[in-house]
Amino acid sequence: MSMTHDDMNKLRGIHLAPYMYLATALIGKARQAGGNTFRHQLDTMATLMDYGYIDSILLKASIIHDLVEDIPEYNRNIILSVDYEADRVYNLVLEVSRRIGEKKSEFLTRIKEFGSRNAKILKCADRISNMISLGYVNDIEFIERYTEETERYIFPIAEEVDANMLFELRCLVDSRRQLPNLVNK
């Protein structure tokens, strides 16, 4: 999806750098697919922009969406003091964060059944980034579990909020199931 002149004007007013700075706390957090969680945050934001989402709350939350979950001791007051939208950004981050003691299935069901539209869109972009990273994962059981989880929980969310994201997720699930280790298993 190409950006319009109006989109460019909207982007001019969104100050993302302070949120990018907060996300640097995730640089040391390794991911199973390699790389680090900081890069994943930016990939998630790029996915949103690729699909034409220019909402400031959504983009800011995408940059720090794993911060609270991955660093539970992170001082929330730092997030809340970033700008005039910080409280709404923080609430969206909490909405897409797994709660202490919450099973993965409960977490995804909560978003599917009770999540705001922005939480669902953010979860879809997050999952697209994660599914792309699966191409670098060698743990067959993890890939199988993750693709099944994507079909069961994320497909219905994407079906509700963005047909194009659903299409990409379906393609990613199909391609991950064709990985040589899965085919030769």
N, C-alpha and C. Protein backbone atom coordinates (compact mmCIF):
# COMPACT_ATOMS: atom_id res chain seq x y z
N MET A 1 0.86 -1.17 0.00
CA MET A 1 0.00 0.00 0.00
C MET A 1 0.91 1.23 0.00
N SER A 2 0.70 2.12 -0.95
CA SER A 2 1.56 3.30 -1.01
C SER A 2 1.00 4.42 -0.14
N MET A 3 1.91 5.22 0.36
CA MET A 3 1.56 6.34 1.24
C MET A 3 1.02 7.49 0.39
N THR A 4 0.03 8.15 0.92
CA THR A 4 -0.53 9.32 0.26
C THR A 4 0.10 10.58 0.87
N HIS A 5 -0.16 11.70 0.22
CA HIS A 5 0.31 12.98 0.75
C HIS A 5 -0.30 13.24 2.14
N ASP A 6 -1.58 12.88 2.32
CA ASP A 6 -2.23 13.04 3.62
C ASP A 6 -1.55 12.18 4.69
N ASP A 7 -1.16 10.96 4.30
CA ASP A 7 -0.45 10.09 5.24
C ASP A 7 0.87 10.72 5.66
N MET A 8 1.57 11.30 4.71
CA MET A 8 2.85 11.96 5.03
C MET A 8 2.62 13.11 6.00
N ASN A 9 1.56 13.86 5.80
CA ASN A 9 1.27 14.96 6.72
C ASN A 9 0.96 14.45 8.11
N LYS A 10 0.22 13.34 8.21
CA LYS A 10 -0.08 12.76 9.52
C LYS A 10 1.20 12.29 10.21
N LEU A 11 2.09 11.66 9.43
CA LEU A 11 3.34 11.16 9.99
C LEU A 11 4.24 12.29 10.50
N ARG A 12 4.18 13.43 9.88
CA ARG A 12 5.00 14.56 10.32
C ARG A 12 4.72 14.94 11.78
N GLY A 13 3.49 14.76 12.20
CA GLY A 13 3.11 15.14 13.55
C GLY A 13 3.31 14.07 14.60
N ILE A 14 3.78 12.91 14.20
CA ILE A 14 3.96 11.80 15.15
C ILE A 14 5.44 11.73 15.54
N HIS A 15 5.70 11.89 16.81
CA HIS A 15 7.07 11.86 17.32
C HIS A 15 7.37 10.47 17.89
N LEU A 16 8.04 9.67 17.08
CA LEU A 16 8.31 8.28 17.43
C LEU A 16 9.65 8.08 18.15
N ALA A 17 10.56 9.01 17.98
CA ALA A 17 11.91 8.84 18.54
C ALA A 17 11.93 8.55 20.03
N PRO A 18 11.13 9.24 20.87
CA PRO A 18 11.17 8.92 22.30
C PRO A 18 10.76 7.47 22.58
N TYR A 19 9.83 6.93 21.80
CA TYR A 19 9.42 5.54 21.99
C TYR A 19 10.50 4.59 21.49
N MET A 20 11.19 4.98 20.42
CA MET A 20 12.31 4.16 19.95
C MET A 20 13.40 4.11 21.01
N TYR A 21 13.63 5.22 21.67
CA TYR A 21 14.62 5.24 22.75
C TYR A 21 14.21 4.27 23.86
N LEU A 22 12.93 4.29 24.26
CA LEU A 22 12.46 3.36 25.29
C LEU A 22 12.69 1.91 24.85
N ALA A 23 12.43 1.64 23.58
CA ALA A 23 12.56 0.28 23.06
C ALA A 23 13.99 -0.22 23.05
N THR A 24 14.97 0.68 23.13
CA THR A 24 16.36 0.22 23.15
C THR A 24 16.65 -0.64 24.38
N ALA A 25 15.80 -0.58 25.39
CA ALA A 25 15.95 -1.46 26.55
C ALA A 25 15.81 -2.93 26.15
N LEU A 26 15.25 -3.19 24.98
CA LEU A 26 15.03 -4.55 24.50
C LEU A 26 16.18 -5.07 23.63
N ILE A 27 17.20 -4.27 23.41
CA ILE A 27 18.30 -4.68 22.54
C ILE A 27 18.97 -5.96 23.04
N GLY A 28 19.11 -6.15 24.31
CA GLY A 28 19.76 -7.36 24.83
C GLY A 28 18.86 -8.57 24.92
N LYS A 29 17.59 -8.43 24.59
CA LYS A 29 16.63 -9.54 24.68
C LYS A 29 16.66 -10.34 23.39
N ALA A 30 17.30 -11.51 23.44
CA ALA A 30 17.42 -12.37 22.26
C ALA A 30 16.08 -13.00 21.90
N ARG A 31 15.93 -13.29 20.63
CA ARG A 31 14.73 -13.96 20.14
C ARG A 31 15.12 -15.33 19.61
N GLN A 32 14.19 -16.26 19.64
CA GLN A 32 14.48 -17.62 19.20
C GLN A 32 14.94 -17.66 17.74
N ALA A 33 14.44 -16.72 16.93
CA ALA A 33 14.80 -16.68 15.52
C ALA A 33 16.09 -15.90 15.27
N GLY A 34 16.72 -15.46 16.33
CA GLY A 34 17.91 -14.63 16.19
C GLY A 34 17.54 -13.16 16.27
N GLY A 35 18.53 -12.33 16.24
CA GLY A 35 18.27 -10.90 16.37
C GLY A 35 17.85 -10.57 17.79
N ASN A 36 17.22 -9.42 17.93
CA ASN A 36 16.78 -9.04 19.26
C ASN A 36 15.39 -8.43 19.20
N THR A 37 14.80 -8.26 20.35
CA THR A 37 13.42 -7.80 20.44
C THR A 37 13.28 -6.36 19.99
N PHE A 38 14.32 -5.56 20.13
CA PHE A 38 14.27 -4.18 19.64
C PHE A 38 13.94 -4.15 18.15
N ARG A 39 14.64 -4.95 17.37
CA ARG A 39 14.39 -4.99 15.93
C ARG A 39 12.98 -5.46 15.62
N HIS A 40 12.51 -6.41 16.41
CA HIS A 40 11.14 -6.92 16.21
C HIS A 40 10.12 -5.80 16.42
N GLN A 41 10.36 -4.92 17.39
CA GLN A 41 9.45 -3.81 17.63
C GLN A 41 9.35 -2.94 16.38
N LEU A 42 10.49 -2.64 15.77
CA LEU A 42 10.51 -1.80 14.58
C LEU A 42 9.92 -2.52 13.37
N ASP A 43 10.14 -3.83 13.29
CA ASP A 43 9.52 -4.61 12.22
C ASP A 43 8.00 -4.57 12.33
N THR A 44 7.50 -4.64 13.55
CA THR A 44 6.06 -4.60 13.77
C THR A 44 5.50 -3.24 13.34
N MET A 45 6.20 -2.18 13.69
CA MET A 45 5.77 -0.85 13.26
C MET A 45 5.80 -0.75 11.74
N ALA A 46 6.84 -1.26 11.10
CA ALA A 46 6.95 -1.22 9.64
C ALA A 46 5.80 -1.98 8.99
N THR A 47 5.40 -3.09 9.59
CA THR A 47 4.27 -3.86 9.05
C THR A 47 3.00 -3.03 9.10
N LEU A 48 2.77 -2.36 10.22
CA LEU A 48 1.59 -1.50 10.34
C LEU A 48 1.60 -0.42 9.26
N MET A 49 2.72 0.22 9.08
CA MET A 49 2.81 1.29 8.07
C MET A 49 2.62 0.72 6.67
N ASP A 50 3.16 -0.46 6.43
CA ASP A 50 3.00 -1.12 5.13
C ASP A 50 1.52 -1.34 4.82
N TYR A 51 0.73 -1.60 5.83
CA TYR A 51 -0.71 -1.80 5.65
C TYR A 51 -1.50 -0.51 5.76
N GLY A 52 -0.81 0.62 5.87
CA GLY A 52 -1.48 1.91 5.83
C GLY A 52 -1.96 2.44 7.16
N TYR A 53 -1.52 1.85 8.26
CA TYR A 53 -1.93 2.33 9.58
C TYR A 53 -1.01 3.47 10.01
N ILE A 54 -1.60 4.65 10.18
CA ILE A 54 -0.85 5.84 10.52
C ILE A 54 -1.31 6.41 11.87
N ASP A 55 -2.08 5.67 12.59
CA ASP A 55 -2.58 6.11 13.90
C ASP A 55 -1.41 6.25 14.87
N SER A 56 -1.27 7.42 15.48
CA SER A 56 -0.12 7.68 16.35
C SER A 56 -0.06 6.74 17.55
N ILE A 57 -1.19 6.46 18.17
CA ILE A 57 -1.21 5.55 19.34
C ILE A 57 -0.74 4.16 18.92
N LEU A 58 -1.25 3.68 17.83
CA LEU A 58 -0.92 2.35 17.33
C LEU A 58 0.57 2.25 16.98
N LEU A 59 1.10 3.23 16.28
CA LEU A 59 2.51 3.18 15.90
C LEU A 59 3.42 3.28 17.12
N LYS A 60 3.10 4.17 18.04
CA LYS A 60 3.92 4.30 19.25
C LYS A 60 3.87 3.02 20.08
N ALA A 61 2.70 2.44 20.22
CA ALA A 61 2.57 1.20 20.99
C ALA A 61 3.33 0.06 20.32
N SER A 62 3.33 0.04 19.00
CA SER A 62 4.04 -1.04 18.30
C SER A 62 5.53 -1.02 18.61
N ILE A 63 6.08 0.15 18.82
CA ILE A 63 7.51 0.29 19.08
C ILE A 63 7.89 -0.25 20.46
N ILE A 64 6.94 -0.24 21.39
CA ILE A 64 7.26 -0.71 22.75
C ILE A 64 6.32 -1.85 23.18
N HIS A 65 5.69 -2.54 22.23
CA HIS A 65 4.65 -3.50 22.59
C HIS A 65 5.15 -4.67 23.44
N ASP A 66 6.43 -4.99 23.41
CA ASP A 66 6.95 -6.09 24.23
C ASP A 66 7.68 -5.61 25.49
N LEU A 67 7.79 -4.33 25.66
CA LEU A 67 8.59 -3.78 26.76
C LEU A 67 8.09 -4.21 28.14
N VAL A 68 6.80 -4.07 28.39
CA VAL A 68 6.23 -4.39 29.71
C VAL A 68 6.27 -5.89 29.97
N GLU A 69 5.99 -6.67 28.94
CA GLU A 69 5.96 -8.12 29.09
C GLU A 69 7.36 -8.70 29.26
N ASP A 70 8.31 -8.20 28.48
CA ASP A 70 9.67 -8.76 28.50
C ASP A 70 10.55 -8.20 29.60
N ILE A 71 10.21 -7.01 30.10
CA ILE A 71 10.96 -6.41 31.21
C ILE A 71 9.93 -5.97 32.25
N PRO A 72 9.40 -6.92 33.03
CA PRO A 72 8.32 -6.60 33.97
C PRO A 72 8.68 -5.52 34.99
N GLU A 73 9.96 -5.39 35.29
CA GLU A 73 10.38 -4.40 36.28
C GLU A 73 10.56 -3.01 35.66
N TYR A 74 10.30 -2.88 34.36
CA TYR A 74 10.46 -1.58 33.70
C TYR A 74 9.55 -0.55 34.36
N ASN A 75 10.08 0.62 34.62
CA ASN A 75 9.35 1.67 35.32
C ASN A 75 8.28 2.26 34.40
N ARG A 76 7.03 1.96 34.67
CA ARG A 76 5.94 2.43 33.83
C ARG A 76 5.83 3.95 33.81
N ASN A 77 6.32 4.61 34.85
CA ASN A 77 6.28 6.08 34.90
C ASN A 77 7.13 6.71 33.80
N ILE A 78 8.17 6.00 33.40
CA ILE A 78 8.99 6.50 32.29
C ILE A 78 8.16 6.51 31.01
N ILE A 79 7.42 5.43 30.78
CA ILE A 79 6.54 5.37 29.60
C ILE A 79 5.48 6.45 29.69
N LEU A 80 4.86 6.57 30.84
CA LEU A 80 3.75 7.51 31.01
C LEU A 80 4.18 8.97 30.91
N SER A 81 5.46 9.24 30.99
CA SER A 81 5.93 10.64 30.94
C SER A 81 6.44 11.04 29.56
N VAL A 82 6.34 10.16 28.57
CA VAL A 82 6.93 10.45 27.26
C VAL A 82 6.25 11.61 26.55
N ASP A 83 4.93 11.59 26.46
CA ASP A 83 4.21 12.65 25.76
C ASP A 83 2.74 12.65 26.17
N TYR A 84 1.97 13.49 25.53
CA TYR A 84 0.55 13.64 25.88
C TYR A 84 -0.29 12.42 25.53
N GLU A 85 0.22 11.52 24.71
CA GLU A 85 -0.52 10.30 24.35
C GLU A 85 -0.05 9.08 25.12
N ALA A 86 0.92 9.25 25.97
CA ALA A 86 1.59 8.12 26.63
C ALA A 86 0.63 7.23 27.40
N ASP A 87 -0.37 7.79 28.05
CA ASP A 87 -1.30 6.95 28.81
C ASP A 87 -2.08 6.03 27.88
N ARG A 88 -2.49 6.52 26.73
CA ARG A 88 -3.23 5.68 25.77
C ARG A 88 -2.31 4.65 25.13
N VAL A 89 -1.07 5.05 24.86
CA VAL A 89 -0.07 4.12 24.32
C VAL A 89 0.17 3.00 25.34
N TYR A 90 0.38 3.37 26.58
CA TYR A 90 0.65 2.40 27.64
C TYR A 90 -0.53 1.43 27.80
N ASN A 91 -1.74 1.94 27.77
CA ASN A 91 -2.92 1.07 27.89
C ASN A 91 -3.02 0.09 26.73
N LEU A 92 -2.67 0.52 25.53
CA LEU A 92 -2.67 -0.40 24.39
C LEU A 92 -1.59 -1.46 24.56
N VAL A 93 -0.42 -1.05 25.03
CA VAL A 93 0.66 -2.01 25.29
C VAL A 93 0.20 -3.05 26.32
N LEU A 94 -0.45 -2.60 27.37
CA LEU A 94 -0.96 -3.54 28.38
C LEU A 94 -1.99 -4.49 27.79
N GLU A 95 -2.79 -3.98 26.89
CA GLU A 95 -3.84 -4.79 26.27
C GLU A 95 -3.26 -5.95 25.45
N VAL A 96 -2.08 -5.73 24.85
CA VAL A 96 -1.46 -6.79 24.04
C VAL A 96 -0.32 -7.49 24.78
N SER A 97 -0.24 -7.27 26.08
CA SER A 97 0.79 -7.94 26.90
C SER A 97 0.16 -9.08 27.67
N ARG A 98 0.92 -10.15 27.75
CA ARG A 98 0.48 -11.31 28.53
C ARG A 98 0.61 -10.99 30.01
N ARG A 99 -0.44 -11.26 30.74
CA ARG A 99 -0.46 -11.00 32.17
C ARG A 99 0.23 -12.12 32.94
N ILE A 100 0.73 -11.80 34.10
CA ILE A 100 1.40 -12.79 34.94
C ILE A 100 0.43 -13.93 35.23
N GLY A 101 0.86 -15.15 34.97
CA GLY A 101 0.05 -16.33 35.22
C GLY A 101 -0.94 -16.65 34.11
N GLU A 102 -1.01 -15.83 33.09
CA GLU A 102 -1.96 -16.04 32.00
C GLU A 102 -1.36 -17.01 30.98
N LYS A 103 -2.09 -18.07 30.70
CA LYS A 103 -1.64 -19.02 29.68
C LYS A 103 -1.73 -18.36 28.31
N LYS A 104 -0.90 -18.84 27.39
CA LYS A 104 -0.89 -18.25 26.04
C LYS A 104 -2.27 -18.32 25.39
N SER A 105 -2.96 -19.43 25.55
CA SER A 105 -4.29 -19.57 24.96
C SER A 105 -5.27 -18.57 25.58
N GLU A 106 -5.17 -18.33 26.88
CA GLU A 106 -6.03 -17.35 27.55
C GLU A 106 -5.73 -15.94 27.05
N PHE A 107 -4.45 -15.65 26.91
CA PHE A 107 -4.01 -14.35 26.43
C PHE A 107 -4.57 -14.06 25.03
N LEU A 108 -4.39 -15.00 24.12
CA LEU A 108 -4.85 -14.79 22.75
C LEU A 108 -6.37 -14.76 22.66
N THR A 109 -7.04 -15.57 23.48
CA THR A 109 -8.50 -15.54 23.52
C THR A 109 -8.99 -14.20 24.04
N ARG A 110 -8.30 -13.66 25.04
CA ARG A 110 -8.68 -12.35 25.59
C ARG A 110 -8.62 -11.27 24.51
N ILE A 111 -7.56 -11.27 23.74
CA ILE A 111 -7.45 -10.28 22.67
C ILE A 111 -8.53 -10.53 21.62
N LYS A 112 -8.71 -11.78 21.26
CA LYS A 112 -9.69 -12.13 20.22
C LYS A 112 -11.10 -11.71 20.62
N GLU A 113 -11.46 -11.97 21.87
CA GLU A 113 -12.84 -11.73 22.31
C GLU A 113 -13.08 -10.33 22.87
N PHE A 114 -12.07 -9.76 23.51
CA PHE A 114 -12.31 -8.50 24.22
C PHE A 114 -11.38 -7.36 23.80
N GLY A 115 -10.43 -7.63 22.92
CA GLY A 115 -9.47 -6.61 22.53
C GLY A 115 -10.09 -5.48 21.72
N SER A 116 -9.52 -4.31 21.87
CA SER A 116 -9.94 -3.17 21.05
C SER A 116 -9.50 -3.43 19.61
N ARG A 117 -10.04 -2.66 18.71
CA ARG A 117 -9.64 -2.79 17.30
C ARG A 117 -8.13 -2.59 17.16
N ASN A 118 -7.58 -1.57 17.83
CA ASN A 118 -6.14 -1.33 17.74
C ASN A 118 -5.34 -2.49 18.32
N ALA A 119 -5.81 -3.09 19.39
CA ALA A 119 -5.10 -4.24 19.97
C ALA A 119 -5.07 -5.40 18.97
N LYS A 120 -6.17 -5.60 18.29
CA LYS A 120 -6.25 -6.69 17.31
C LYS A 120 -5.35 -6.42 16.10
N ILE A 121 -5.35 -5.19 15.64
CA ILE A 121 -4.48 -4.82 14.50
C ILE A 121 -3.02 -4.98 14.90
N LEU A 122 -2.67 -4.50 16.09
CA LEU A 122 -1.29 -4.61 16.58
C LEU A 122 -0.89 -6.07 16.73
N LYS A 123 -1.78 -6.90 17.24
CA LYS A 123 -1.47 -8.33 17.40
C LYS A 123 -1.23 -8.99 16.05
N CYS A 124 -2.00 -8.61 15.05
CA CYS A 124 -1.80 -9.17 13.72
C CYS A 124 -0.44 -8.76 13.14
N ALA A 125 -0.08 -7.49 13.28
CA ALA A 125 1.22 -7.02 12.79
C ALA A 125 2.36 -7.71 13.54
N ASP A 126 2.20 -7.86 14.84
CA ASP A 126 3.18 -8.56 15.68
C ASP A 126 3.35 -10.00 15.18
N ARG A 127 2.24 -10.66 14.91
CA ARG A 127 2.31 -12.06 14.48
C ARG A 127 2.92 -12.17 13.08
N ILE A 128 2.65 -11.23 12.20
CA ILE A 128 3.28 -11.25 10.88
C ILE A 128 4.80 -11.18 11.04
N SER A 129 5.28 -10.26 11.86
CA SER A 129 6.72 -10.16 12.12
C SER A 129 7.26 -11.46 12.69
N ASN A 130 6.55 -12.04 13.64
CA ASN A 130 6.99 -13.30 14.25
C ASN A 130 6.99 -14.44 13.24
N MET A 131 5.98 -14.50 12.39
CA MET A 131 5.91 -15.58 11.40
C MET A 131 7.04 -15.47 10.38
N ILE A 132 7.39 -14.26 10.00
CA ILE A 132 8.51 -14.07 9.08
C ILE A 132 9.79 -14.60 9.72
N SER A 133 9.97 -14.32 11.01
CA SER A 133 11.15 -14.79 11.74
C SER A 133 11.21 -16.30 11.85
N LEU A 134 10.09 -16.98 11.76
CA LEU A 134 10.09 -18.44 11.86
C LEU A 134 10.92 -19.11 10.77
N GLY A 135 11.17 -18.40 9.69
CA GLY A 135 12.01 -18.95 8.63
C GLY A 135 13.44 -19.20 9.09
N TYR A 136 13.79 -18.65 10.25
CA TYR A 136 15.14 -18.80 10.79
C TYR A 136 15.18 -19.69 12.03
N VAL A 137 14.06 -20.31 12.34
CA VAL A 137 13.95 -21.18 13.52
C VAL A 137 14.12 -22.63 13.07
N ASN A 138 14.87 -23.40 13.85
CA ASN A 138 15.11 -24.80 13.52
C ASN A 138 14.34 -25.77 14.42
N ASP A 139 13.62 -25.26 15.38
CA ASP A 139 12.86 -26.09 16.31
C ASP A 139 11.51 -26.44 15.67
N ILE A 140 11.43 -27.64 15.13
CA ILE A 140 10.25 -28.08 14.37
C ILE A 140 8.99 -28.03 15.22
N GLU A 141 9.08 -28.51 16.46
CA GLU A 141 7.90 -28.52 17.33
C GLU A 141 7.40 -27.10 17.59
N PHE A 142 8.33 -26.17 17.78
CA PHE A 142 7.95 -24.78 17.99
C PHE A 142 7.23 -24.23 16.76
N ILE A 143 7.78 -24.48 15.59
CA ILE A 143 7.16 -23.99 14.35
C ILE A 143 5.75 -24.57 14.20
N GLU A 144 5.61 -25.86 14.43
CA GLU A 144 4.28 -26.49 14.32
C GLU A 144 3.30 -25.89 15.31
N ARG A 145 3.72 -25.74 16.56
CA ARG A 145 2.86 -25.17 17.59
C ARG A 145 2.48 -23.72 17.25
N TYR A 146 3.45 -22.98 16.78
CA TYR A 146 3.22 -21.56 16.48
C TYR A 146 2.28 -21.37 15.28
N THR A 147 2.46 -22.20 14.25
CA THR A 147 1.56 -22.08 13.10
C THR A 147 0.14 -22.51 13.45
N GLU A 148 0.01 -23.55 14.26
CA GLU A 148 -1.33 -23.97 14.71
C GLU A 148 -1.99 -22.88 15.57
N GLU A 149 -1.22 -22.29 16.43
CA GLU A 149 -1.72 -21.21 17.28
C GLU A 149 -2.15 -20.01 16.42
N THR A 150 -1.39 -19.74 15.38
CA THR A 150 -1.73 -18.65 14.47
C THR A 150 -3.06 -18.92 13.78
N GLU A 151 -3.24 -20.12 13.30
CA GLU A 151 -4.52 -20.48 12.66
C GLU A 151 -5.68 -20.38 13.64
N ARG A 152 -5.50 -20.89 14.81
CA ARG A 152 -6.60 -20.97 15.78
C ARG A 152 -7.00 -19.61 16.35
N TYR A 153 -6.02 -18.79 16.68
CA TYR A 153 -6.32 -17.55 17.39
C TYR A 153 -6.16 -16.28 16.54
N ILE A 154 -5.13 -16.25 15.72
CA ILE A 154 -4.81 -15.01 15.01
C ILE A 154 -5.62 -14.88 13.72
N PHE A 155 -5.84 -15.98 13.01
CA PHE A 155 -6.67 -15.89 11.79
C PHE A 155 -8.02 -15.24 12.07
N PRO A 156 -8.75 -15.66 13.12
CA PRO A 156 -10.05 -15.01 13.38
C PRO A 156 -9.93 -13.52 13.71
N ILE A 157 -8.85 -13.15 14.37
CA ILE A 157 -8.63 -11.73 14.68
C ILE A 157 -8.41 -10.97 13.38
N ALA A 158 -7.53 -11.48 12.53
CA ALA A 158 -7.23 -10.82 11.25
C ALA A 158 -8.46 -10.78 10.36
N GLU A 159 -9.24 -11.84 10.38
CA GLU A 159 -10.47 -11.88 9.59
C GLU A 159 -11.41 -10.73 9.98
N GLU A 160 -11.40 -10.40 11.25
CA GLU A 160 -12.25 -9.31 11.75
C GLU A 160 -11.71 -7.93 11.39
N VAL A 161 -10.39 -7.75 11.41
CA VAL A 161 -9.85 -6.39 11.30
C VAL A 161 -9.18 -6.05 9.97
N ASP A 162 -8.59 -7.03 9.27
CA ASP A 162 -7.87 -6.67 8.06
C ASP A 162 -7.68 -7.90 7.17
N ALA A 163 -8.44 -7.95 6.09
CA ALA A 163 -8.40 -9.10 5.17
C ALA A 163 -7.02 -9.26 4.53
N ASN A 164 -6.33 -8.16 4.30
CA ASN A 164 -5.00 -8.25 3.69
C ASN A 164 -3.98 -8.86 4.66
N MET A 165 -4.09 -8.50 5.93
CA MET A 165 -3.22 -9.13 6.92
C MET A 165 -3.54 -10.62 7.03
N LEU A 166 -4.81 -10.96 6.98
CA LEU A 166 -5.21 -12.37 7.03
C LEU A 166 -4.59 -13.13 5.87
N PHE A 167 -4.64 -12.54 4.68
CA PHE A 167 -4.04 -13.19 3.51
C PHE A 167 -2.55 -13.44 3.73
N GLU A 168 -1.83 -12.42 4.22
CA GLU A 168 -0.40 -12.59 4.46
C GLU A 168 -0.14 -13.65 5.52
N LEU A 169 -0.93 -13.64 6.58
CA LEU A 169 -0.75 -14.64 7.63
C LEU A 169 -0.98 -16.05 7.09
N ARG A 170 -1.99 -16.22 6.26
CA ARG A 170 -2.25 -17.54 5.66
C ARG A 170 -1.07 -17.97 4.79
N CYS A 171 -0.55 -17.04 4.00
CA CYS A 171 0.61 -17.36 3.16
C CYS A 171 1.82 -17.72 4.02
N LEU A 172 2.02 -16.99 5.10
CA LEU A 172 3.15 -17.28 5.99
C LEU A 172 3.01 -18.64 6.65
N VAL A 173 1.81 -18.97 7.12
CA VAL A 173 1.58 -20.29 7.72
C VAL A 173 1.85 -21.38 6.68
N ASP A 174 1.32 -21.21 5.48
CA ASP A 174 1.54 -22.20 4.42
C ASP A 174 3.03 -22.35 4.11
N SER A 175 3.74 -21.23 4.00
CA SER A 175 5.17 -21.31 3.66
C SER A 175 5.98 -21.92 4.80
N ARG A 176 5.63 -21.63 6.04
CA ARG A 176 6.38 -22.19 7.17
C ARG A 176 6.15 -23.70 7.27
N ARG A 177 5.01 -24.13 6.84
CA ARG A 177 4.73 -25.58 6.83
C ARG A 177 5.48 -26.29 5.71
N GLN A 178 6.01 -25.54 4.77
CA GLN A 178 6.78 -26.12 3.67
C GLN A 178 8.28 -26.11 3.93
N LEU A 179 8.69 -25.63 5.10
CA LEU A 179 10.12 -25.61 5.41
C LEU A 179 10.68 -27.03 5.32
N PRO A 180 11.89 -27.18 4.83
CA PRO A 180 12.46 -28.52 4.61
C PRO A 180 12.39 -29.45 5.82
N ASN A 181 12.66 -28.93 7.00
CA ASN A 181 12.63 -29.79 8.19
C ASN A 181 11.25 -30.32 8.48
N LEU A 182 10.21 -29.55 8.16
CA LEU A 182 8.84 -30.00 8.40
C LEU A 182 8.42 -31.01 7.34
N VAL A 183 8.80 -30.75 6.11
CA VAL A 183 8.42 -31.63 5.01
C VAL A 183 9.09 -32.98 5.14
N ASN A 184 10.35 -33.01 5.56
CA ASN A 184 11.11 -34.26 5.66
C ASN A 184 10.95 -34.96 7.00
N LYS A 185 10.12 -34.47 7.84
CA LYS A 185 9.98 -35.03 9.19
C LYS A 185 9.39 -36.42 9.15
